[in-house]
Amino acid sequence: MALANLTSPAVLAFVLGLLVVAVRSHLQIPAQVYEVLSIFLLLAIGLKGGVALRGAEFSEIMMPIALAVAFGLLIPLAVYFVLKATTRLDSINRGALAAHYGSTSLVTFTAGLVFVEQSGLAVEAYLFTLLAVMEVPGIIIGIFLAKRAAMRGAFGPLMHEVFTGKSVVLLIGGMAIGAATGATGYTGATGATGATGAIGAKGETGDRGPVGPMGPIGATGATGATGATGATGPAGSTNLPVQSICVDKKSTVYWGSCASVDVKGTDYQIYTKN
């Protein structure tokens, strides 16, 4: 855990700077680049602190901000007067050292934040707000103590220089911008939707697919109910045969069938009504 914390990019970059000084390397960051980086860093700290400030409840962040301001005032004052009592440094150098120790260290803050996150501990989102809030009083007090001797009797110009300096303007301005825009402005606006592309040409009709299998035969419907049986009609009269007769071509009538009387003719039946 400690090794991962010490090998973070911010800490290693700080160590590289120490090595460059120790070996007396001729490596130097151009003044223009240093100025751009310092402006970017201060504005970024202010923006991030302002965004976190907007998302926090006032009752939750009120006490931490008050403590951050108190430490931001007390640390540079303590450094200034301890140096005055223990060293022969003039007021400008004492004020510069007071501002240095009163100012927060982004490298130390980043290393501590990486260590806490890698430990699996939850941290409040407004820590960057406290970083920015604590930075401002330290810089103001340091500049005031350093230049108050050189600008005796000119309190107005002194305070103007203190509050309009690059560091204070970028930190306070960044916090105001971040608090006004919130996370939406911080992450960037969503780009415009692109134009709809042209409709492609209609493709050729494909071959007809094979006929699908026949579905299952449906269930047979229920058999309808049998109609009622009609009423039985009255019984008809019954005709019973009594005698067969045979009539030949000359209309001669013979009793009995033609076969029985051995005559070529037509058989007839005589019925009697019952």
Protein backbone atom coordinates (compact mmCIF):
# COMPACT_ATOMS: atom_id res chain seq x y z
CA MET A 1 0.00 0.00 0.00
CA ALA A 2 2.75 2.45 0.99
CA LEU A 3 4.76 1.46 -2.11
CA ALA A 4 1.80 2.13 -4.38
CA ASN A 5 1.35 5.52 -2.72
CA LEU A 6 5.01 6.47 -3.14
CA THR A 7 5.03 5.37 -6.77
CA SER A 8 2.13 7.60 -7.84
CA PRO A 9 2.99 9.91 -10.78
CA ALA A 10 2.72 13.10 -8.71
CA VAL A 11 5.15 11.87 -6.04
CA LEU A 12 7.61 10.48 -8.60
CA ALA A 13 7.58 13.78 -10.50
CA PHE A 14 8.38 15.58 -7.25
CA VAL A 15 11.27 13.16 -6.59
CA LEU A 16 12.56 13.75 -10.12
CA GLY A 17 12.66 17.48 -9.42
CA LEU A 18 14.73 16.85 -6.29
CA LEU A 19 17.16 14.69 -8.26
CA VAL A 20 17.51 17.37 -10.94
CA VAL A 21 18.51 19.89 -8.27
CA ALA A 22 20.80 17.42 -6.48
CA VAL A 23 22.84 16.58 -9.58
CA ARG A 24 22.87 20.25 -10.66
CA SER A 25 21.28 19.48 -13.97
CA HIS A 26 20.82 22.28 -16.50
CA LEU A 27 17.21 21.24 -16.92
CA GLN A 28 14.97 24.28 -16.60
CA ILE A 29 11.33 24.86 -17.32
CA PRO A 30 10.95 28.00 -19.46
CA ALA A 31 9.36 30.89 -17.62
CA GLN A 32 6.45 31.03 -20.07
CA VAL A 33 5.68 27.33 -19.60
CA TYR A 34 5.95 27.67 -15.82
CA GLU A 35 3.54 30.61 -15.93
CA VAL A 36 1.01 28.66 -18.02
CA LEU A 37 1.25 25.60 -15.77
CA SER A 38 0.80 27.64 -12.60
CA ILE A 39 -2.26 29.42 -14.05
CA PHE A 40 -3.75 26.10 -15.19
CA LEU A 41 -3.06 24.43 -11.82
CA LEU A 42 -4.55 27.23 -9.72
CA LEU A 43 -7.64 27.53 -11.90
CA ALA A 44 -8.12 23.73 -11.91
CA ILE A 45 -7.94 23.58 -8.11
CA GLY A 46 -10.51 26.38 -7.84
CA LEU A 47 -12.86 24.81 -10.40
CA LYS A 48 -12.76 21.39 -8.77
CA GLY A 49 -13.33 22.91 -5.34
CA GLY A 50 -16.28 24.97 -6.61
CA VAL A 51 -17.93 21.94 -8.25
CA ALA A 52 -17.61 19.95 -5.02
CA LEU A 53 -18.89 22.94 -3.03
CA ARG A 54 -22.09 23.10 -5.09
CA GLY A 55 -22.83 19.40 -4.57
CA ALA A 56 -22.37 19.52 -0.77
CA GLU A 57 -24.91 20.45 1.89
CA PHE A 58 -24.08 23.73 3.64
CA SER A 59 -24.62 22.24 7.09
CA GLU A 60 -22.21 19.43 6.22
CA ILE A 61 -19.41 21.61 4.86
CA MET A 62 -19.73 24.67 7.13
CA MET A 63 -17.52 23.37 9.95
CA PRO A 64 -14.77 21.91 7.70
CA ILE A 65 -14.55 25.21 5.77
CA ALA A 66 -14.29 27.20 9.01
CA LEU A 67 -11.46 24.96 10.22
CA ALA A 68 -9.69 25.20 6.84
CA VAL A 69 -9.82 29.00 6.95
CA ALA A 70 -8.59 29.01 10.56
CA PHE A 71 -5.60 26.77 9.77
CA GLY A 72 -4.93 28.78 6.61
CA LEU A 73 -4.59 31.90 8.77
CA LEU A 74 -2.77 30.43 11.76
CA ILE A 75 -0.06 28.45 9.94
CA PRO A 76 1.53 31.37 8.02
CA LEU A 77 1.24 33.66 11.05
CA ALA A 78 2.97 31.08 13.24
CA VAL A 79 5.73 30.54 10.66
CA TYR A 80 6.31 34.28 10.24
CA PHE A 81 6.69 35.04 13.94
CA VAL A 82 8.74 31.90 14.69
CA LEU A 83 11.16 32.92 11.93
CA LYS A 84 11.25 36.44 13.28
CA ALA A 85 12.22 35.13 16.73
CA THR A 86 14.70 32.50 15.59
CA THR A 87 16.33 33.92 12.43
CA ARG A 88 17.70 37.16 11.01
CA LEU A 89 15.59 37.01 7.87
CA ASP A 90 13.99 40.26 6.77
CA SER A 91 10.24 40.67 6.59
CA ILE A 92 10.06 39.92 2.85
CA ASN A 93 11.79 36.53 3.22
CA ARG A 94 9.83 35.69 6.35
CA GLY A 95 6.61 36.53 4.54
CA ALA A 96 7.64 34.41 1.54
CA LEU A 97 8.34 31.42 3.79
CA ALA A 98 5.09 32.00 5.66
CA ALA A 99 3.17 31.97 2.37
CA HIS A 100 5.03 28.84 1.32
CA TYR A 101 4.10 26.91 4.46
CA GLY A 102 0.62 28.38 4.56
CA SER A 103 -0.03 27.32 0.99
CA THR A 104 -1.37 23.84 0.51
CA SER A 105 0.74 21.26 -1.33
CA LEU A 106 -1.09 19.68 -4.24
CA VAL A 107 1.52 16.90 -4.41
CA THR A 108 1.01 16.03 -0.74
CA PHE A 109 -2.74 16.23 -1.14
CA THR A 110 -2.72 13.98 -4.22
CA ALA A 111 -0.45 11.43 -2.53
CA GLY A 112 -2.71 11.32 0.52
CA LEU A 113 -5.84 11.02 -1.63
CA VAL A 114 -4.34 8.13 -3.62
CA PHE A 115 -3.40 6.37 -0.39
CA VAL A 116 -6.91 6.75 1.04
CA GLU A 117 -8.60 5.56 -2.18
CA GLN A 118 -6.31 2.54 -2.47
CA SER A 119 -7.13 1.69 1.15
CA GLY A 120 -10.77 1.38 0.13
CA LEU A 121 -11.88 4.26 2.37
CA ALA A 122 -14.66 6.64 1.36
CA VAL A 123 -13.73 10.32 1.16
CA GLU A 124 -15.94 13.39 0.92
CA ALA A 125 -16.21 15.02 -2.48
CA TYR A 126 -15.63 18.50 -1.02
CA LEU A 127 -11.97 17.83 -0.10
CA PHE A 128 -10.92 19.84 -3.15
CA THR A 129 -13.07 22.69 -1.81
CA LEU A 130 -11.12 22.62 1.45
CA LEU A 131 -7.86 22.54 -0.51
CA ALA A 132 -8.82 25.70 -2.40
CA VAL A 133 -10.26 27.42 0.68
CA MET A 134 -7.12 26.74 2.72
CA GLU A 135 -4.88 27.96 -0.10
CA VAL A 136 -6.36 31.47 -0.24
CA PRO A 137 -5.76 32.67 3.38
CA GLY A 138 -2.19 31.36 3.36
CA ILE A 139 -1.32 33.29 0.22
CA ILE A 140 -3.07 36.46 1.41
CA ILE A 141 -1.38 36.45 4.82
CA GLY A 142 2.03 35.66 3.31
CA ILE A 143 1.83 38.49 0.78
CA PHE A 144 0.52 40.91 3.40
CA LEU A 145 3.30 40.12 5.89
CA ALA A 146 5.99 40.28 3.21
CA LYS A 147 5.01 43.64 1.78
CA ARG A 148 3.58 45.52 4.72
CA ALA A 149 7.02 46.81 5.70
CA ALA A 150 7.80 47.96 2.17
CA MET A 151 4.41 49.67 1.79
CA ARG A 152 3.99 51.41 5.15
CA GLY A 153 1.16 53.87 5.15
CA ALA A 154 -0.24 52.52 1.90
CA PHE A 155 -2.80 50.07 3.22
CA GLY A 156 -5.18 50.49 0.29
CA PRO A 157 -2.65 49.65 -2.46
CA LEU A 158 -1.34 46.80 -0.33
CA MET A 159 -4.75 45.18 0.02
CA HIS A 160 -5.42 45.75 -3.69
CA GLU A 161 -2.25 43.87 -4.57
CA VAL A 162 -3.05 41.11 -2.11
CA PHE A 163 -6.58 40.42 -3.35
CA THR A 164 -5.91 40.97 -7.05
CA GLY A 165 -2.84 38.79 -7.25
CA LYS A 166 -2.76 35.93 -9.75
CA SER A 167 -3.12 33.14 -7.19
CA VAL A 168 -6.04 34.66 -5.29
CA VAL A 169 -7.95 35.68 -8.43
CA LEU A 170 -7.57 32.25 -10.07
CA LEU A 171 -8.50 30.30 -6.94
CA ILE A 172 -11.50 32.43 -5.94
CA GLY A 173 -12.60 32.88 -9.55
CA GLY A 174 -12.30 29.17 -10.26
CA MET A 175 -14.33 28.32 -7.17
CA ALA A 176 -17.04 30.79 -8.19
CA ILE A 177 -17.19 29.37 -11.71
CA GLY A 178 -17.26 25.77 -10.49
CA ALA A 179 -19.99 26.53 -7.94
CA ALA A 180 -22.07 28.34 -10.59
CA THR A 181 -21.82 25.69 -13.31
CA GLY A 182 -21.74 22.53 -11.19
CA ALA A 183 -20.82 19.11 -12.50
CA THR A 184 -22.57 19.67 -15.84
CA GLY A 185 -20.39 22.61 -16.75
CA TYR A 186 -17.30 20.88 -15.33
CA THR A 187 -17.70 17.73 -17.45
CA GLY A 188 -18.53 19.69 -20.61
CA ALA A 189 -21.71 20.22 -22.60
CA THR A 190 -23.12 17.46 -24.77
CA GLY A 191 -22.30 17.91 -28.46
CA ALA A 192 -24.99 18.63 -31.02
CA THR A 193 -26.70 15.67 -32.66
CA GLY A 194 -25.32 15.01 -36.13
CA ALA A 195 -27.47 15.25 -39.26
CA THR A 196 -29.44 12.17 -40.31
CA GLY A 197 -27.78 10.25 -43.14
CA ALA A 198 -29.42 9.69 -46.52
CA ILE A 199 -31.73 6.69 -46.93
CA GLY A 200 -29.98 3.86 -48.76
CA ALA A 201 -31.20 2.43 -52.09
CA LYS A 202 -33.82 -0.32 -51.98
CA GLY A 203 -32.26 -3.75 -52.30
CA GLU A 204 -33.39 -6.43 -54.77
CA THR A 205 -36.23 -8.74 -53.80
CA GLY A 206 -34.88 -12.06 -52.62
CA ASP A 207 -36.00 -15.51 -53.82
CA ARG A 208 -39.16 -16.91 -52.37
CA GLY A 209 -38.44 -19.14 -49.44
CA PRO A 210 -39.66 -22.76 -49.20
CA VAL A 211 -43.21 -23.48 -48.08
CA GLY A 212 -43.34 -24.10 -44.40
CA PRO A 213 -44.68 -27.39 -42.96
CA MET A 214 -48.44 -27.83 -42.61
CA GLY A 215 -49.71 -26.93 -39.22
CA PRO A 216 -51.50 -29.52 -37.05
CA ILE A 217 -55.14 -30.41 -37.82
CA GLY A 218 -57.55 -28.62 -35.57
CA ALA A 219 -59.69 -30.52 -33.10
CA THR A 220 -63.06 -31.93 -34.31
CA GLY A 221 -65.98 -29.81 -33.26
CA ALA A 222 -68.56 -31.21 -30.86
CA THR A 223 -71.44 -33.26 -32.38
CA GLY A 224 -74.66 -31.30 -32.42
CA ALA A 225 -77.57 -32.51 -30.33
CA THR A 226 -80.01 -35.00 -31.96
CA GLY A 227 -83.31 -33.40 -32.88
CA ALA A 228 -86.50 -34.59 -31.18
CA THR A 229 -88.33 -37.53 -32.77
CA GLY A 230 -91.48 -36.43 -34.61
CA ALA A 231 -94.89 -37.69 -33.53
CA THR A 232 -96.04 -40.97 -35.06
CA GLY A 233 -98.72 -40.48 -37.73
CA PRO A 234 -101.96 -42.45 -37.72
CA ALA A 235 -101.67 -46.02 -38.83
CA GLY A 236 -102.51 -46.52 -42.53
CA SER A 237 -104.72 -49.27 -43.84
CA THR A 238 -103.03 -52.61 -44.62
CA ASN A 239 -103.70 -54.39 -47.96
CA LEU A 240 -103.15 -58.13 -47.89
CA PRO A 241 -102.75 -60.21 -51.07
CA VAL A 242 -105.52 -62.86 -51.52
CA GLN A 243 -105.20 -64.36 -54.98
CA SER A 244 -102.84 -64.19 -57.98
CA ILE A 245 -104.30 -64.03 -61.48
CA CYS A 246 -102.75 -64.29 -64.91
CA VAL A 247 -103.89 -62.23 -67.90
CA ASP A 248 -102.72 -63.29 -71.37
CA LYS A 249 -102.45 -61.19 -74.53
CA LYS A 250 -106.09 -61.79 -75.36
CA SER A 251 -107.09 -60.45 -71.92
CA THR A 252 -108.18 -63.87 -70.79
CA VAL A 253 -108.02 -64.10 -67.01
CA TYR A 254 -106.74 -67.26 -65.31
CA TRP A 255 -106.83 -67.87 -61.57
CA GLY A 256 -103.35 -68.44 -60.31
CA SER A 257 -99.99 -67.28 -61.50
CA CYS A 258 -99.04 -67.56 -65.15
CA ALA A 259 -96.40 -70.12 -64.25
CA SER A 260 -98.84 -72.24 -62.35
CA VAL A 261 -101.39 -72.28 -65.18
CA ASP A 262 -98.72 -72.53 -67.86
CA VAL A 263 -99.87 -69.41 -69.72
CA LYS A 264 -97.85 -66.60 -71.25
CA GLY A 265 -99.20 -63.48 -69.75
CA THR A 266 -98.87 -61.00 -66.88
CA ASP A 267 -99.33 -61.85 -63.22
CA TYR A 268 -101.57 -59.65 -61.09
CA GLN A 269 -102.35 -59.77 -57.40
CA ILE A 270 -105.79 -59.32 -55.99
CA TYR A 271 -105.75 -57.62 -52.55
CA THR A 272 -108.37 -57.39 -49.95
CA LYS A 273 -108.59 -54.29 -47.73
CA ASN A 274 -108.09 -54.90 -44.01
